Every structure is written in C-alpha cells, then in structure tokens.
Amino acid sequence: LLKAIPSPTIYLKAETNYGQDGVLYAANSDAD
C-alpha cells in the first residue's frame, strides 16, 4: 500500500513512548 503512493506525503509522528509495564502508548513504535 505505502509503496504504491506517488504523491508528496507528510508523515506526522508523535514521539514514541511506553508505559511502565512496557505497553506501547504511541500509535506505532520507532521500528514501525
């Protein structure tokens, strides 16, 4: 899907953060 996008794209990313229990609080991880 992403490789098929030809148009200019701005990717907005909120900084990744985790809870004390290791749960990912962000939409996706830095690796993602």
PDB file of all heavy atoms in Angstrom:
ATOM      1  N   LEU A   1       0.833  -1.205   0.000  1.00  0.00           N
ATOM      2  CA  LEU A   1       0.000   0.000   0.000  1.00  0.00           C
ATOM      3  C   LEU A   1       0.867   1.255   0.000  1.00  0.00           C
ATOM      4  O   LEU A   1       0.702   2.147  -0.844  1.00  0.00           O
ATOM      5  CB  LEU A   1      -0.908  -0.015   1.236  1.00  0.00           C
ATOM      6  CG  LEU A   1      -1.850   1.189   1.401  1.00  0.00           C
ATOM      7  CD1 LEU A   1      -3.027   1.065   0.454  1.00  0.00           C
ATOM      8  CD2 LEU A   1      -2.338   1.279   2.845  1.00  0.00           C
ATOM      9  N   LEU A   2       1.801   1.329   0.922  1.00  0.00           N
ATOM     10  CA  LEU A   2       2.616   2.531   1.049  1.00  0.00           C
ATOM     11  C   LEU A   2       3.531   2.735  -0.153  1.00  0.00           C
ATOM     12  O   LEU A   2       3.750   3.870  -0.595  1.00  0.00           O
ATOM     13  CB  LEU A   2       3.442   2.459   2.333  1.00  0.00           C
ATOM     14  CG  LEU A   2       2.649   2.525   3.638  1.00  0.00           C
ATOM     15  CD1 LEU A   2       3.570   2.311   4.832  1.00  0.00           C
ATOM     16  CD2 LEU A   2       1.920   3.852   3.775  1.00  0.00           C
ATOM     17  N   LYS A   3       4.049   1.657  -0.693  1.00  0.00           N
ATOM     18  CA  LYS A   3       4.940   1.764  -1.853  1.00  0.00           C
ATOM     19  C   LYS A   3       4.208   2.214  -3.106  1.00  0.00           C
ATOM     20  O   LYS A   3       4.838   2.676  -4.061  1.00  0.00           O
ATOM     21  CB  LYS A   3       5.633   0.426  -2.101  1.00  0.00           C
ATOM     22  CG  LYS A   3       6.682   0.081  -1.045  1.00  0.00           C
ATOM     23  CD  LYS A   3       7.301  -1.280  -1.288  1.00  0.00           C
ATOM     24  CE  LYS A   3       8.354  -1.599  -0.242  1.00  0.00           C
ATOM     25  NZ  LYS A   3       8.959  -2.948  -0.422  1.00  0.00           N
ATOM     26  N   ALA A   4       2.879   2.114  -3.095  1.00  0.00           N
ATOM     27  CA  ALA A   4       2.084   2.495  -4.263  1.00  0.00           C
ATOM     28  C   ALA A   4       1.667   3.965  -4.243  1.00  0.00           C
ATOM     29  O   ALA A   4       0.995   4.426  -5.165  1.00  0.00           O
ATOM     30  CB  ALA A   4       0.837   1.611  -4.350  1.00  0.00           C
ATOM     31  N   ILE A   5       2.067   4.705  -3.227  1.00  0.00           N
ATOM     32  CA  ILE A   5       1.679   6.113  -3.112  1.00  0.00           C
ATOM     33  C   ILE A   5       2.676   6.983  -3.873  1.00  0.00           C
ATOM     34  O   ILE A   5       3.853   7.063  -3.492  1.00  0.00           O
ATOM     35  CB  ILE A   5       1.636   6.551  -1.631  1.00  0.00           C
ATOM     36  CG1 ILE A   5       0.574   5.759  -0.864  1.00  0.00           C
ATOM     37  CG2 ILE A   5       1.357   8.047  -1.523  1.00  0.00           C
ATOM     38  CD1 ILE A   5       0.582   6.009   0.632  1.00  0.00           C
ATOM     39  N   PRO A   6       2.240   7.672  -4.926  1.00  0.00           N
ATOM     40  CA  PRO A   6       3.172   8.512  -5.688  1.00  0.00           C
ATOM     41  C   PRO A   6       3.201   9.972  -5.234  1.00  0.00           C
ATOM     42  O   PRO A   6       4.156  10.682  -5.515  1.00  0.00           O
ATOM     43  CB  PRO A   6       2.613   8.415  -7.108  1.00  0.00           C
ATOM     44  CG  PRO A   6       1.131   8.275  -6.901  1.00  0.00           C
ATOM     45  CD  PRO A   6       0.942   7.512  -5.625  1.00  0.00           C
ATOM     46  N   SER A   7       2.171  10.421  -4.555  1.00  0.00           N
ATOM     47  CA  SER A   7       2.039  11.845  -4.245  1.00  0.00           C
ATOM     48  C   SER A   7       2.936  12.269  -3.094  1.00  0.00           C
ATOM     49  O   SER A   7       3.340  11.447  -2.260  1.00  0.00           O
ATOM     50  CB  SER A   7       0.579  12.166  -3.896  1.00  0.00           C
ATOM     51  OG  SER A   7       0.185  11.445  -2.755  1.00  0.00           O
ATOM     52  N   PRO A   8       3.270  13.558  -3.015  1.00  0.00           N
ATOM     53  CA  PRO A   8       4.030  14.067  -1.871  1.00  0.00           C
ATOM     54  C   PRO A   8       3.287  13.745  -0.572  1.00  0.00           C
ATOM     55  O   PRO A   8       2.066  13.885  -0.491  1.00  0.00           O
ATOM     56  CB  PRO A   8       4.085  15.569  -2.122  1.00  0.00           C
ATOM     57  CG  PRO A   8       3.841  15.738  -3.580  1.00  0.00           C
ATOM     58  CD  PRO A   8       2.925  14.620  -3.980  1.00  0.00           C
ATOM     59  N   THR A   9       4.043  13.342   0.435  1.00  0.00           N
ATOM     60  CA  THR A   9       3.429  12.903   1.684  1.00  0.00           C
ATOM     61  C   THR A   9       4.178  13.484   2.876  1.00  0.00           C
ATOM     62  O   THR A   9       5.406  13.471   2.910  1.00  0.00           O
ATOM     63  CB  THR A   9       3.448  11.363   1.785  1.00  0.00           C
ATOM     64  OG1 THR A   9       2.724  10.806   0.687  1.00  0.00           O
ATOM     65  CG2 THR A   9       2.820  10.889   3.088  1.00  0.00           C
ATOM     66  N   ILE A  10       3.421  14.000   3.831  1.00  0.00           N
ATOM     67  CA  ILE A  10       3.970  14.404   5.115  1.00  0.00           C
ATOM     68  C   ILE A  10       3.550  13.352   6.138  1.00  0.00           C
ATOM     69  O   ILE A  10       2.359  13.089   6.318  1.00  0.00           O
ATOM     70  CB  ILE A  10       3.462  15.791   5.567  1.00  0.00           C
ATOM     71  CG1 ILE A  10       3.835  16.872   4.539  1.00  0.00           C
ATOM     72  CG2 ILE A  10       4.004  16.131   6.954  1.00  0.00           C
ATOM     73  CD1 ILE A  10       5.299  17.202   4.477  1.00  0.00           C
ATOM     74  N   TYR A  11       4.524  12.757   6.784  1.00  0.00           N
ATOM     75  CA  TYR A  11       4.270  11.746   7.801  1.00  0.00           C
ATOM     76  C   TYR A  11       4.453  12.385   9.163  1.00  0.00           C
ATOM     77  O   TYR A  11       5.563  12.737   9.557  1.00  0.00           O
ATOM     78  CB  TYR A  11       5.224  10.568   7.590  1.00  0.00           C
ATOM     79  CG  TYR A  11       5.191   9.500   8.665  1.00  0.00           C
ATOM     80  CD1 TYR A  11       3.991   9.012   9.175  1.00  0.00           C
ATOM     81  CD2 TYR A  11       6.383   8.964   9.154  1.00  0.00           C
ATOM     82  CE1 TYR A  11       3.982   8.025  10.153  1.00  0.00           C
ATOM     83  CE2 TYR A  11       6.385   7.970  10.117  1.00  0.00           C
ATOM     84  CZ  TYR A  11       5.177   7.507  10.622  1.00  0.00           C
ATOM     85  OH  TYR A  11       5.171   6.523  11.591  1.00  0.00           O
ATOM     86  N   LEU A  12       3.359  12.597   9.883  1.00  0.00           N
ATOM     87  CA  LEU A  12       3.408  13.180  11.218  1.00  0.00           C
ATOM     88  C   LEU A  12       3.502  12.063  12.253  1.00  0.00           C
ATOM     89  O   LEU A  12       2.642  11.171  12.278  1.00  0.00           O
ATOM     90  CB  LEU A  12       2.159  14.026  11.496  1.00  0.00           C
ATOM     91  CG  LEU A  12       1.922  15.251  10.626  1.00  0.00           C
ATOM     92  CD1 LEU A  12       0.743  16.055  11.161  1.00  0.00           C
ATOM     93  CD2 LEU A  12       3.161  16.127  10.568  1.00  0.00           C
ATOM     94  N   LYS A  13       4.495  12.131  13.101  1.00  0.00           N
ATOM     95  CA  LYS A  13       4.722  11.078  14.092  1.00  0.00           C
ATOM     96  C   LYS A  13       4.828  11.686  15.488  1.00  0.00           C
ATOM     97  O   LYS A  13       5.692  12.522  15.749  1.00  0.00           O
ATOM     98  CB  LYS A  13       6.009  10.326  13.768  1.00  0.00           C
ATOM     99  CG  LYS A  13       6.432   9.292  14.812  1.00  0.00           C
ATOM    100  CD  LYS A  13       5.608   8.029  14.716  1.00  0.00           C
ATOM    101  CE  LYS A  13       6.181   6.916  15.608  1.00  0.00           C
ATOM    102  NZ  LYS A  13       5.894   7.106  17.044  1.00  0.00           N
ATOM    103  N   ALA A  14       3.909  11.301  16.379  1.00  0.00           N
ATOM    104  CA  ALA A  14       4.072  11.654  17.786  1.00  0.00           C
ATOM    105  C   ALA A  14       5.198  10.804  18.363  1.00  0.00           C
ATOM    106  O   ALA A  14       5.312   9.616  18.059  1.00  0.00           O
ATOM    107  CB  ALA A  14       2.768  11.407  18.542  1.00  0.00           C
ATOM    108  N   GLU A  15       6.032  11.424  19.166  1.00  0.00           N
ATOM    109  CA  GLU A  15       7.179  10.703  19.720  1.00  0.00           C
ATOM    110  C   GLU A  15       6.713   9.423  20.428  1.00  0.00           C
ATOM    111  O   GLU A  15       5.709   9.407  21.129  1.00  0.00           O
ATOM    112  CB  GLU A  15       7.953  11.584  20.700  1.00  0.00           C
ATOM    113  CG  GLU A  15       8.799  12.648  20.026  1.00  0.00           C
ATOM    114  CD  GLU A  15       9.694  13.377  21.019  1.00  0.00           C
ATOM    115  OE1 GLU A  15       9.686  13.006  22.216  1.00  0.00           O
ATOM    116  OE2 GLU A  15      10.382  14.316  20.600  1.00  0.00           O
ATOM    117  N   THR A  16       7.459   8.369  20.236  1.00  0.00           N
ATOM    118  CA  THR A  16       7.124   7.070  20.811  1.00  0.00           C
ATOM    119  C   THR A  16       7.339   7.081  22.323  1.00  0.00           C
ATOM    120  O   THR A  16       8.350   7.598  22.806  1.00  0.00           O
ATOM    121  CB  THR A  16       7.993   5.974  20.177  1.00  0.00           C
ATOM    122  OG1 THR A  16       7.801   5.993  18.759  1.00  0.00           O
ATOM    123  CG2 THR A  16       7.626   4.609  20.723  1.00  0.00           C
ATOM    124  N   ASN A  17       6.393   6.534  23.044  1.00  0.00           N
ATOM    125  CA  ASN A  17       6.567   6.382  24.489  1.00  0.00           C
ATOM    126  C   ASN A  17       5.892   5.104  24.968  1.00  0.00           C
ATOM    127  O   ASN A  17       4.980   4.582  24.320  1.00  0.00           O
ATOM    128  CB  ASN A  17       6.028   7.595  25.254  1.00  0.00           C
ATOM    129  CG  ASN A  17       4.544   7.781  25.083  1.00  0.00           C
ATOM    130  OD1 ASN A  17       4.010   7.650  23.982  1.00  0.00           O
ATOM    131  ND2 ASN A  17       3.849   8.097  26.144  1.00  0.00           N
ATOM    132  N   TYR A  18       6.368   4.606  26.088  1.00  0.00           N
ATOM    133  CA  TYR A  18       5.878   3.350  26.655  1.00  0.00           C
ATOM    134  C   TYR A  18       5.471   3.563  28.110  1.00  0.00           C
ATOM    135  O   TYR A  18       6.028   4.418  28.816  1.00  0.00           O
ATOM    136  CB  TYR A  18       6.964   2.277  26.604  1.00  0.00           C
ATOM    137  CG  TYR A  18       7.341   1.830  25.218  1.00  0.00           C
ATOM    138  CD1 TYR A  18       8.298   2.524  24.485  1.00  0.00           C
ATOM    139  CD2 TYR A  18       6.759   0.704  24.642  1.00  0.00           C
ATOM    140  CE1 TYR A  18       8.670   2.114  23.205  1.00  0.00           C
ATOM    141  CE2 TYR A  18       7.119   0.283  23.358  1.00  0.00           C
ATOM    142  CZ  TYR A  18       8.061   0.997  22.650  1.00  0.00           C
ATOM    143  OH  TYR A  18       8.424   0.593  21.388  1.00  0.00           O
ATOM    144  N   GLY A  19       4.518   2.766  28.564  1.00  0.00           N
ATOM    145  CA  GLY A  19       4.159   2.770  29.965  1.00  0.00           C
ATOM    146  C   GLY A  19       5.172   1.999  30.784  1.00  0.00           C
ATOM    147  O   GLY A  19       6.056   1.315  30.238  1.00  0.00           O
ATOM    148  N   GLN A  20       5.069   2.096  32.105  1.00  0.00           N
ATOM    149  CA  GLN A  20       5.997   1.387  32.978  1.00  0.00           C
ATOM    150  C   GLN A  20       5.882  -0.127  32.819  1.00  0.00           C
ATOM    151  O   GLN A  20       6.818  -0.859  33.120  1.00  0.00           O
ATOM    152  CB  GLN A  20       5.738   1.777  34.432  1.00  0.00           C
ATOM    153  CG  GLN A  20       6.091   3.234  34.732  1.00  0.00           C
ATOM    154  CD  GLN A  20       5.889   3.580  36.192  1.00  0.00           C
ATOM    155  OE1 GLN A  20       5.305   2.811  36.958  1.00  0.00           O
ATOM    156  NE2 GLN A  20       6.366   4.750  36.595  1.00  0.00           N
ATOM    157  N   ASP A  21       4.720  -0.578  32.332  1.00  0.00           N
ATOM    158  CA  ASP A  21       4.522  -2.003  32.110  1.00  0.00           C
ATOM    159  C   ASP A  21       4.971  -2.457  30.728  1.00  0.00           C
ATOM    160  O   ASP A  21       4.746  -3.602  30.332  1.00  0.00           O
ATOM    161  CB  ASP A  21       3.053  -2.381  32.330  1.00  0.00           C
ATOM    162  CG  ASP A  21       2.095  -1.524  31.488  1.00  0.00           C
ATOM    163  OD1 ASP A  21       2.584  -0.679  30.713  1.00  0.00           O
ATOM    164  OD2 ASP A  21       0.872  -1.701  31.626  1.00  0.00           O
ATOM    165  N   GLY A  22       5.588  -1.539  29.980  1.00  0.00           N
ATOM    166  CA  GLY A  22       6.099  -1.878  28.658  1.00  0.00           C
ATOM    167  C   GLY A  22       5.081  -1.759  27.550  1.00  0.00           C
ATOM    168  O   GLY A  22       5.403  -2.016  26.371  1.00  0.00           O
ATOM    169  N   VAL A  23       3.856  -1.341  27.860  1.00  0.00           N
ATOM    170  CA  VAL A  23       2.819  -1.179  26.845  1.00  0.00           C
ATOM    171  C   VAL A  23       3.150   0.024  25.963  1.00  0.00           C
ATOM    172  O   VAL A  23       3.524   1.096  26.469  1.00  0.00           O
ATOM    173  CB  VAL A  23       1.432  -1.002  27.492  1.00  0.00           C
ATOM    174  CG1 VAL A  23       0.383  -0.620  26.451  1.00  0.00           C
ATOM    175  CG2 VAL A  23       1.024  -2.287  28.203  1.00  0.00           C
ATOM    176  N   LEU A  24       3.031  -0.157  24.657  1.00  0.00           N
ATOM    177  CA  LEU A  24       3.290   0.927  23.701  1.00  0.00           C
ATOM    178  C   LEU A  24       2.135   1.923  23.758  1.00  0.00           C
ATOM    179  O   LEU A  24       1.003   1.589  23.429  1.00  0.00           O
ATOM    180  CB  LEU A  24       3.427   0.355  22.290  1.00  0.00           C
ATOM    181  CG  LEU A  24       3.565   1.367  21.150  1.00  0.00           C
ATOM    182  CD1 LEU A  24       4.854   2.171  21.280  1.00  0.00           C
ATOM    183  CD2 LEU A  24       3.499   0.654  19.794  1.00  0.00           C
ATOM    184  N   TYR A  25       2.413   3.142  24.193  1.00  0.00           N
ATOM    185  CA  TYR A  25       1.379   4.173  24.276  1.00  0.00           C
ATOM    186  C   TYR A  25       1.209   4.917  22.950  1.00  0.00           C
ATOM    187  O   TYR A  25       0.188   5.556  22.721  1.00  0.00           O
ATOM    188  CB  TYR A  25       1.716   5.177  25.378  1.00  0.00           C
ATOM    189  CG  TYR A  25       1.471   4.681  26.792  1.00  0.00           C
ATOM    190  CD1 TYR A  25       0.980   3.408  27.035  1.00  0.00           C
ATOM    191  CD2 TYR A  25       1.732   5.505  27.882  1.00  0.00           C
ATOM    192  CE1 TYR A  25       0.753   2.961  28.327  1.00  0.00           C
ATOM    193  CE2 TYR A  25       1.507   5.069  29.185  1.00  0.00           C
ATOM    194  CZ  TYR A  25       1.017   3.793  29.397  1.00  0.00           C
ATOM    195  OH  TYR A  25       0.785   3.362  30.686  1.00  0.00           O
ATOM    196  N   ALA A  26       2.210   4.886  22.113  1.00  0.00           N
ATOM    197  CA  ALA A  26       2.156   5.601  20.834  1.00  0.00           C
ATOM    198  C   ALA A  26       1.395   4.782  19.794  1.00  0.00           C
ATOM    199  O   ALA A  26       1.084   3.610  19.996  1.00  0.00           O
ATOM    200  CB  ALA A  26       3.565   5.891  20.344  1.00  0.00           C
ATOM    201  N   ALA A  27       1.106   5.425  18.653  1.00  0.00           N
ATOM    202  CA  ALA A  27       0.387   4.734  17.575  1.00  0.00           C
ATOM    203  C   ALA A  27       1.227   3.594  17.010  1.00  0.00           C
ATOM    204  O   ALA A  27       0.698   2.533  16.662  1.00  0.00           O
ATOM    205  CB  ALA A  27       0.014   5.715  16.471  1.00  0.00           C
ATOM    206  N   ASN A  28       2.515   3.825  16.899  1.00  0.00           N
ATOM    207  CA  ASN A  28       3.415   2.743  16.485  1.00  0.00           C
ATOM    208  C   ASN A  28       4.806   2.992  17.060  1.00  0.00           C
ATOM    209  O   ASN A  28       5.097   4.068  17.590  1.00  0.00           O
ATOM    210  CB  ASN A  28       3.454   2.559  14.967  1.00  0.00           C
ATOM    211  CG  ASN A  28       3.770   3.832  14.210  1.00  0.00           C
ATOM    212  OD1 ASN A  28       4.226   4.813  14.794  1.00  0.00           O
ATOM    213  ND2 ASN A  28       3.543   3.832  12.919  1.00  0.00           N
ATOM    214  N   SER A  29       5.632   1.994  16.988  1.00  0.00           N
ATOM    215  CA  SER A  29       6.977   2.073  17.564  1.00  0.00           C
ATOM    216  C   SER A  29       7.922   2.792  16.600  1.00  0.00           C
ATOM    217  O   SER A  29       7.587   3.047  15.433  1.00  0.00           O
ATOM    218  CB  SER A  29       7.494   0.667  17.840  1.00  0.00           C
ATOM    219  OG  SER A  29       7.694  -0.022  16.611  1.00  0.00           O
ATOM    220  N   ASP A  30       9.114   3.084  17.083  1.00  0.00           N
ATOM    221  CA  ASP A  30      10.127   3.686  16.212  1.00  0.00           C
ATOM    222  C   ASP A  30      10.480   2.744  15.064  1.00  0.00           C
ATOM    223  O   ASP A  30      10.712   3.183  13.928  1.00  0.00           O
ATOM    224  CB  ASP A  30      11.388   4.014  17.012  1.00  0.00           C
ATOM    225  CG  ASP A  30      11.191   5.204  17.941  1.00  0.00           C
ATOM    226  OD1 ASP A  30      10.238   5.974  17.729  1.00  0.00           O
ATOM    227  OD2 ASP A  30      11.992   5.350  18.888  1.00  0.00           O
ATOM    228  N   ALA A  31      10.525   1.441  15.354  1.00  0.00           N
ATOM    229  CA  ALA A  31      10.835   0.467  14.300  1.00  0.00           C
ATOM    230  C   ALA A  31       9.734   0.453  13.236  1.00  0.00           C
ATOM    231  O   ALA A  31      10.016   0.379  12.034  1.00  0.00           O
ATOM    232  CB  ALA A  31      10.996  -0.924  14.903  1.00  0.00           C
ATOM    233  N   ASP A  32       8.482   0.535  13.680  1.00  0.00           N
ATOM    234  CA  ASP A  32       7.365   0.589  12.736  1.00  0.00           C
ATOM    235  C   ASP A  32       7.423   1.875  11.915  1.00  0.00           C
ATOM    236  O   ASP A  32       7.169   1.868  10.705  1.00  0.00           O
ATOM    237  CB  ASP A  32       6.025   0.518  13.477  1.00  0.00           C
ATOM    238  CG  ASP A  32       5.796  -0.823  14.140  1.00  0.00           C
ATOM    239  OD1 ASP A  32       6.341  -1.826  13.646  1.00  0.00           O
ATOM    240  OD2 ASP A  32       5.082  -0.867  15.153  1.00  0.00           O
TER     241      ASP A  32
END
